[in-house]
Protein backbone atom coordinates (compact mmCIF):
# COMPACT_ATOMS: atom_id res chain seq x y z
CA MET A 1 135.33 110.35 83.76
CA LYS A 2 132.05 111.11 81.89
CA ILE A 3 129.20 112.44 83.85
CA ASN A 4 125.84 113.30 82.11
CA PHE A 5 123.72 115.99 83.39
CA ASN A 6 121.15 113.59 84.14
CA GLN A 7 120.80 109.83 83.98
CA LEU A 8 117.29 108.57 84.42
CA ASP A 9 117.80 104.86 83.96
CA ARG A 10 119.51 104.75 87.37
CA GLY A 11 116.40 105.90 88.99
CA TYR A 12 114.42 103.02 87.26
CA PHE A 13 117.20 100.33 88.04
CA LYS A 14 117.14 101.34 91.81
CA TYR A 15 113.45 100.07 92.26
CA GLN A 16 113.23 98.11 89.04
CA ASN A 17 111.25 95.09 90.55
CA GLU A 18 108.69 97.43 92.13
CA TYR A 19 108.29 99.29 88.88
CA ASP A 20 108.02 96.32 86.81
CA LEU A 21 105.43 94.74 89.11
CA ALA A 22 103.35 97.86 89.21
CA VAL A 23 103.24 98.32 85.53
CA LEU A 24 102.60 94.68 84.92
CA GLN A 25 99.68 94.39 87.37
CA THR A 26 98.19 97.48 85.86
CA LEU A 27 98.47 95.94 82.26
CA LYS A 28 96.87 92.57 83.63
CA SER A 29 94.00 94.52 85.23
CA GLY A 30 92.53 95.70 81.86
CA TRP A 31 91.49 99.05 83.33
CA TYR A 32 93.90 101.79 82.00
CA ILE A 33 92.05 105.29 82.40
CA LEU A 34 90.73 106.78 85.86
CA GLY A 35 90.90 103.62 87.90
CA LYS A 36 92.11 102.50 91.25
CA ASN A 37 95.73 103.49 90.73
CA VAL A 38 94.83 106.97 89.99
CA GLU A 39 92.49 107.16 92.97
CA ARG A 40 95.19 105.79 95.18
CA PHE A 41 97.95 108.12 94.10
CA GLU A 42 95.65 111.12 94.45
CA SER A 43 94.81 110.11 97.97
CA GLU A 44 98.55 109.40 98.87
CA PHE A 45 99.76 112.71 97.10
CA ALA A 46 97.03 114.78 98.99
CA ASP A 47 98.20 113.28 102.26
CA PHE A 48 101.85 114.03 101.30
CA ILE A 49 101.24 117.71 100.59
CA GLY A 50 98.72 118.09 103.38
CA THR A 51 95.75 118.95 101.41
CA LYS A 52 92.16 117.52 101.32
CA PHE A 53 92.09 116.86 97.68
CA CYS A 54 94.29 115.96 94.55
CA VAL A 55 93.33 115.61 90.94
CA GLY A 56 95.77 113.65 88.58
CA LEU A 57 96.31 115.31 85.21
CA ASN A 58 98.18 114.85 81.97
CA SER A 59 101.02 117.28 82.68
CA GLY A 60 102.24 120.19 84.90
CA LEU A 61 101.24 122.58 82.11
CA ASP A 62 97.60 121.29 82.08
CA ALA A 63 97.61 121.76 85.81
CA LEU A 64 98.50 125.54 85.34
CA ILE A 65 96.08 126.03 82.69
CA LEU A 66 93.08 124.40 84.41
CA ALA A 67 93.89 125.97 87.79
CA PHE A 68 93.33 129.40 86.25
CA ARG A 69 90.45 128.19 84.19
CA ALA A 70 88.79 126.68 87.38
CA LEU A 71 89.20 130.12 89.10
CA GLY A 72 87.48 132.06 86.29
CA VAL A 73 90.88 133.92 85.40
CA GLY A 74 90.68 135.14 81.88
CA ILE A 75 90.48 137.88 79.24
CA GLY A 76 90.85 141.18 80.96
CA ASP A 77 92.44 139.81 84.04
CA GLU A 78 96.00 140.22 85.17
CA VAL A 79 98.11 137.76 86.98
CA ILE A 80 101.36 138.63 88.86
CA VAL A 81 103.98 136.01 87.83
CA PRO A 82 107.76 135.76 88.50
CA ALA A 83 109.82 136.96 85.53
CA ASN A 84 112.48 134.35 86.27
CA THR A 85 110.73 131.07 85.55
CA TYR A 86 110.20 128.57 82.81
CA ILE A 87 107.69 129.55 80.08
CA ALA A 88 105.17 126.93 81.10
CA SER A 89 104.26 129.10 84.15
CA VAL A 90 103.22 131.96 81.84
CA LEU A 91 101.54 129.82 79.30
CA GLY A 92 99.12 128.80 82.09
CA ILE A 93 98.08 132.40 82.19
CA THR A 94 97.96 133.19 78.57
CA GLU A 95 96.26 130.09 77.49
CA ASN A 96 93.25 131.55 79.48
CA GLY A 97 93.50 134.86 77.73
CA ALA A 98 94.66 136.57 80.90
CA THR A 99 97.68 138.94 80.87
CA PRO A 100 100.95 138.05 82.83
CA VAL A 101 102.50 140.92 84.90
CA PHE A 102 106.19 140.08 85.40
CA VAL A 103 107.91 140.66 88.78
CA GLU A 104 111.53 140.54 89.37
CA PRO A 105 113.24 137.73 91.44
CA ASP A 106 114.99 137.94 94.82
CA HIS A 107 118.44 136.66 95.86
CA TYR A 108 117.00 133.18 96.04
CA PHE A 109 115.76 133.14 92.46
CA ASN A 110 112.14 133.36 93.45
CA LEU A 111 109.49 135.97 93.34
CA ASP A 112 110.52 138.98 95.33
CA ASP A 113 107.68 139.61 97.68
CA ASN A 114 108.94 143.27 98.22
CA ARG A 115 108.07 144.02 94.51
CA ILE A 116 104.50 142.44 94.34
CA GLU A 117 102.30 145.16 95.52
CA GLU A 118 103.54 147.90 93.35
CA LYS A 119 102.46 145.77 90.35
CA ILE A 120 98.88 145.24 91.66
CA THR A 121 96.03 147.12 89.55
CA LYS A 122 92.23 147.07 89.59
CA ASN A 123 92.65 144.28 86.98
CA THR A 124 94.76 141.83 89.14
CA LYS A 125 93.10 138.74 89.85
CA ALA A 126 95.73 136.31 91.00
CA ILE A 127 99.32 135.76 92.07
CA LEU A 128 101.16 132.79 90.61
CA VAL A 129 104.26 131.85 92.91
CA VAL A 130 106.94 129.44 91.35
CA HIS A 131 109.16 127.64 93.76
CA LEU A 132 111.92 127.61 91.49
CA TYR A 133 114.74 124.96 91.45
CA GLY A 134 113.25 123.41 94.53
CA GLN A 135 113.32 126.15 97.10
CA ALA A 136 110.17 127.48 98.77
CA ALA A 137 109.25 131.13 98.12
CA ASN A 138 108.52 133.49 101.02
CA MET A 139 105.10 132.08 101.16
CA LYS A 140 104.04 133.65 104.62
CA ARG A 141 104.42 137.17 103.26
CA ILE A 142 103.03 136.30 99.72
CA LYS A 143 99.89 134.90 101.20
CA GLU A 144 99.43 137.87 103.43
CA ILE A 145 99.61 140.24 100.36
CA ALA A 146 97.10 137.86 98.44
CA ASN A 147 94.64 138.01 101.38
CA ARG A 148 95.02 141.57 101.86
CA ASN A 149 94.25 142.39 98.17
CA LYS A 150 91.59 139.67 97.75
CA LEU A 151 93.48 137.77 95.15
CA TYR A 152 93.68 134.13 94.32
CA LEU A 153 97.02 132.52 95.16
CA ILE A 154 98.23 129.80 92.81
CA GLU A 155 101.47 127.78 93.32
CA ASP A 156 103.60 126.36 90.61
CA CYS A 157 105.35 123.31 92.47
CA ALA A 158 106.71 121.74 89.55
CA GLN A 159 110.24 121.74 90.94
CA SER A 160 109.37 121.77 94.79
CA HIS A 161 107.84 118.41 95.67
CA GLY A 162 107.94 118.20 99.46
CA ALA A 163 109.65 121.54 100.02
CA LYS A 164 108.24 123.45 102.88
CA PHE A 165 108.10 127.04 104.16
CA GLU A 166 108.09 127.03 107.80
CA ASN A 167 106.02 123.83 108.57
CA ARG A 168 103.76 123.83 105.48
CA THR A 169 104.57 122.03 102.29
CA THR A 170 104.54 123.97 99.06
CA GLY A 171 101.15 123.51 97.28
CA ALA A 172 99.23 123.76 100.61
CA TRP A 173 99.60 127.57 100.94
CA GLY A 174 97.51 128.69 98.01
CA ASP A 175 93.96 128.21 96.64
CA ILE A 176 95.51 125.67 94.26
CA GLY A 177 98.94 123.92 93.93
CA CYS A 178 100.09 122.89 90.56
CA PHE A 179 102.56 119.89 90.00
CA SER A 180 104.45 118.25 87.36
CA PHE A 181 105.69 114.77 87.41
CA TYR A 182 107.90 114.95 84.37
CA PRO A 183 110.53 112.13 84.64
CA THR A 184 113.31 114.60 85.81
CA LYS A 185 111.33 115.91 88.71
CA ASN A 186 112.03 114.76 92.42
CA ILE A 187 108.84 112.67 92.11
CA GLY A 188 108.93 111.84 88.50
CA ALA A 189 106.87 109.43 86.31
CA PHE A 190 108.11 107.67 83.25
CA GLY A 191 106.30 110.06 81.00
CA ASP A 192 104.33 113.33 81.19
CA SER A 193 101.95 113.62 84.12
CA GLY A 194 100.89 116.20 86.70
CA ALA A 195 98.35 117.08 89.33
CA ILE A 196 96.75 119.95 91.28
CA VAL A 197 95.99 119.91 95.10
CA THR A 198 93.54 122.05 96.83
CA ASP A 199 91.42 122.18 100.03
CA ASN A 200 88.44 123.70 98.20
CA PRO A 201 85.84 121.07 97.45
CA LEU A 202 84.28 123.25 94.60
CA ILE A 203 87.67 123.64 92.91
CA TYR A 204 88.34 119.95 93.21
CA GLU A 205 84.91 119.04 91.62
CA LYS A 206 85.35 121.55 88.81
CA ILE A 207 88.92 120.37 87.84
CA LYS A 208 87.81 116.65 87.83
CA MET A 209 85.09 117.87 85.35
CA LEU A 210 87.56 119.89 83.36
CA ARG A 211 90.11 117.07 82.88
CA ASN A 212 87.30 114.71 81.56
CA TYR A 213 85.59 116.62 78.83
CA GLY A 214 83.62 118.71 81.28
CA SER A 215 81.66 115.69 82.67
CA LYS A 216 81.07 113.95 85.95
CA ILE A 217 79.11 111.22 84.28
CA LYS A 218 80.08 109.94 80.70
CA TYR A 219 78.42 111.71 77.94
CA HIS A 220 76.80 114.15 80.30
CA ASN A 221 78.99 117.18 79.59
CA GLU A 222 78.19 120.08 82.02
CA ILE A 223 80.99 122.56 81.13
CA LEU A 224 83.55 123.05 78.40
CA GLY A 225 86.35 120.64 79.27
CA VAL A 226 89.52 118.93 77.92
CA ASN A 227 91.19 115.52 77.96
CA SER A 228 93.76 115.70 80.63
CA ARG A 229 93.84 112.54 82.70
CA LEU A 230 96.55 110.92 84.66
CA ASP A 231 96.75 107.37 83.34
CA GLU A 232 96.74 104.21 85.37
CA ILE A 233 100.30 103.14 84.44
CA GLN A 234 101.96 106.46 85.46
CA ALA A 235 99.83 106.53 88.64
CA ALA A 236 101.06 103.26 89.69
CA ILE A 237 104.76 104.26 88.85
CA LEU A 238 104.27 107.41 91.00
CA SER A 239 102.90 105.48 94.00
CA VAL A 240 106.10 103.43 93.97
CA LYS A 241 108.32 106.66 93.53
CA LEU A 242 106.43 108.49 96.33
CA SER A 243 106.87 105.50 98.72
CA HIS A 244 110.68 106.05 98.48
CA TYR A 245 110.58 109.82 98.64
CA ASN A 246 112.38 110.23 101.83
CA GLN A 247 115.42 107.99 100.71
CA LEU A 248 115.55 109.68 97.28
CA GLN A 249 115.43 113.15 98.80
CA LYS A 250 118.27 112.27 101.12
CA GLU A 251 120.37 111.51 98.10
CA ARG A 252 119.86 114.88 96.58
CA GLU A 253 120.45 116.64 99.98
CA LYS A 254 123.70 114.76 100.32
CA ILE A 255 124.91 115.64 96.76
CA SER A 256 123.90 119.22 97.25
CA ARG A 257 125.55 119.54 100.72
CA ARG A 258 128.86 118.31 99.27
CA TYR A 259 128.58 120.95 96.41
CA LEU A 260 127.80 123.69 98.94
CA ASP A 261 130.55 122.80 101.34
CA GLU A 262 133.28 121.53 98.89
CA ILE A 263 133.10 123.89 95.99
CA LYS A 264 135.38 126.74 96.74
CA ASN A 265 136.15 129.01 93.65
CA GLU A 266 135.95 132.77 93.65
CA PHE A 267 134.50 132.70 89.99
CA ILE A 268 131.55 130.50 91.24
CA LYS A 269 128.40 131.96 93.03
CA LEU A 270 126.67 129.16 94.93
CA PRO A 271 122.96 129.29 95.68
CA LYS A 272 121.62 130.90 98.85
CA ILE A 273 119.13 129.33 101.09
CA ARG A 274 116.35 131.44 102.61
CA GLU A 275 115.59 131.20 106.35
CA ASN A 276 112.53 129.06 107.13
CA ALA A 277 112.46 127.93 103.36
CA GLY A 278 113.01 124.22 102.65
CA HIS A 279 114.99 123.28 99.59
CA VAL A 280 114.46 119.90 97.88
CA TRP A 281 117.28 120.50 95.31
CA HIS A 282 115.38 119.66 92.04
CA LEU A 283 118.28 121.57 90.50
CA PHE A 284 121.73 122.75 91.72
CA VAL A 285 122.11 126.13 90.03
CA ILE A 286 125.33 128.16 90.24
CA ARG A 287 126.15 131.41 88.61
CA THR A 288 129.30 132.66 86.90
CA ASP A 289 130.05 135.83 84.89
CA ASP A 290 131.58 134.09 81.91
CA ARG A 291 129.20 131.01 81.51
CA LYS A 292 130.09 130.22 77.97
CA LYS A 293 133.75 129.85 79.18
CA LEU A 294 132.60 127.68 82.12
CA GLN A 295 130.30 125.58 80.27
CA LYS A 296 133.03 124.77 77.70
CA TYR A 297 135.52 123.98 80.30
CA LEU A 298 133.12 121.45 81.89
CA THR A 299 132.18 120.08 78.49
CA ASP A 300 135.85 119.66 77.83
CA HIS A 301 136.02 117.64 81.12
CA GLU A 302 133.04 115.54 80.05
CA ILE A 303 130.68 117.12 82.64
CA GLY A 304 127.11 117.66 81.36
CA THR A 305 125.29 120.86 82.32
CA GLN A 306 122.14 122.69 81.31
CA ILE A 307 120.95 126.27 81.66
CA HIS A 308 117.56 126.94 83.48
CA TYR A 309 116.83 129.21 81.69
CA PRO A 310 118.66 131.05 78.86
CA ILE A 311 115.84 132.98 77.66
CA PRO A 312 113.42 134.62 80.19
CA PRO A 313 109.66 134.35 78.99
CA HIS A 314 109.34 138.15 78.61
CA LEU A 315 111.98 138.18 75.94
CA SER A 316 110.85 134.90 74.15
CA LYS A 317 109.53 135.22 70.75
CA ALA A 318 106.37 133.65 71.70
CA TYR A 319 105.44 136.82 73.89
CA ASP A 320 106.63 139.60 71.46
CA PHE A 321 103.15 140.79 71.44
CA LEU A 322 103.47 141.75 75.03
CA GLY A 323 105.89 144.45 74.05
CA HIS A 324 108.81 143.75 76.47
CA LYS A 325 112.40 144.82 75.47
CA GLN A 326 115.86 143.75 76.66
CA GLY A 327 116.66 145.89 79.71
CA ASN A 328 112.96 145.90 81.03
CA LEU A 329 113.66 143.32 83.67
CA THR A 330 117.51 143.55 84.34
CA ILE A 331 117.71 141.17 87.48
CA THR A 332 115.87 138.47 85.60
CA GLU A 333 117.87 139.02 82.40
CA ASN A 334 121.29 138.88 84.40
CA TYR A 335 120.14 135.46 85.99
CA ALA A 336 119.38 134.28 82.33
CA ASP A 337 123.05 135.26 81.34
CA THR A 338 124.82 133.76 84.28
CA VAL A 339 123.03 130.65 85.66
CA ILE A 340 124.16 126.98 84.92
CA SER A 341 122.99 123.81 86.57
CA LEU A 342 125.33 120.98 87.65
CA PRO A 343 124.71 117.28 87.41
CA LEU A 344 122.21 116.08 90.25
CA TYR A 345 120.13 112.89 89.95
CA GLU A 346 119.27 109.66 91.60
CA GLY A 347 122.11 107.17 91.71
CA MET A 348 124.87 109.72 91.10
CA THR A 349 128.02 108.17 92.81
CA GLU A 350 130.37 109.75 95.45
CA ALA A 351 133.12 109.50 92.82
CA GLU A 352 131.18 111.23 90.28
CA VAL A 353 130.30 113.96 92.63
CA SER A 354 133.89 114.51 93.82
CA TYR A 355 135.12 114.62 90.22
CA VAL A 356 132.52 117.57 89.45
CA ILE A 357 133.78 119.30 92.57
CA ASN A 358 137.42 118.87 91.86
CA ILE A 359 137.18 120.03 88.23
CA ILE A 360 135.09 123.08 89.10
CA ASN A 361 137.69 123.93 91.96
CA GLU A 362 140.47 123.90 89.31
CA TYR A 363 138.63 126.38 86.97
CA GLU A 364 140.22 129.63 86.22
CA GLY A 365 137.59 132.05 85.20
C-alpha cells in the first residue's frame, strides 16, 4: 500500500461542489480584490478565533512581517522567539531589522516559558510565541511574563487554527495573532494566503493600510505599505473550509488518537500533550534516535514522511550573520536530528492509518 505524506486532492473532492460553486460565483461577480468575500471571511474568522478584528493577507509570512511593523518593532529591538520553529517565524523579525533572541523548547516542542525571562534585556520589545505542530504553548504563563515586562506579545498560529489554551483560542491571547492558510494547514486555501487577528482597533486600521500600499483611500498613501491582500477567490474557498472545520478537525483527532493509542514501539517517542493545552494535530511528530534508518524503512514500505524541521533557524546559512554555532542550542538541535512527521490529512482512510501503525510497530531500530 502506498501512502503519500499528504494528499491535498482528497480535501478538495470532499466538498468539491461547494468549492466549485464558491469559485464560480466569485469569477462571475467581476470583483476579485478586497470585496465581499474577504469581508465575510474576515468577520467569520474573527468570530472563530474570538477577536474583534481580522485582516486578510497574502501569506502567513506577510502576517508576521506586518505584525511587527505595525507595532513599531525594528532596528535596535530584540524579540524573544522559539529556537525550535520554521524559519518564517524568524524572518518576520529580521525583515523589520530587529534581532531574534532564541529560546530553547520544552518537552512539547514549544517555547519553554521557564527560559524566557533570562533572555530579556533592555532592548527586548516583544515575545513571539509559535504554537508548533498544532499544540498551544503555555499561554497563561507567557502572557504574565509579557505583561510584567511590558512587552508586546505576538502569536504565530500558522499551525494552530482553533487550538485553545484553557478556554481561549490561540491568536486571541496576544496583541496580534498571525495565521497562514497555506494549503496543508488545518484551515487551508488553494494557494498562499494568511491573516492577522487583534482586539486593538489601532493595530487593525494600521495593518489594513499596510497591506494596501499604505492607504485607506485609493491613491492617498498615508504610510509606507506593501501589497499583501487576501484575494476574493481564496477568501471564498476559506469560508467553505471554515464552515466544515469541526468535521475536518474530528478527522485529524481520530487519526492522531489511533497513532497515540496503537503505536507501540520502544524505538519511537510519541508526542506529549500539555495539560490545559489543546492540540489540533496539524502534524503528528514522533522522535527516534536513528531517524535516517526509520525514514528509509518507511520509504521502503511506501509510507511518505517529512521532517519538520531538519535545520533550525539559528544554524541556517541565511542567519550566519547572527554568529550562532552548532552546540549553542542543544535541545533544539537534538529535536532537529530526531523528529519525523507521519502522514495525517483530510480523507486518510482507516486502512491507511492501520497500515502506518502496523509497519511502525514492526520496525526494529
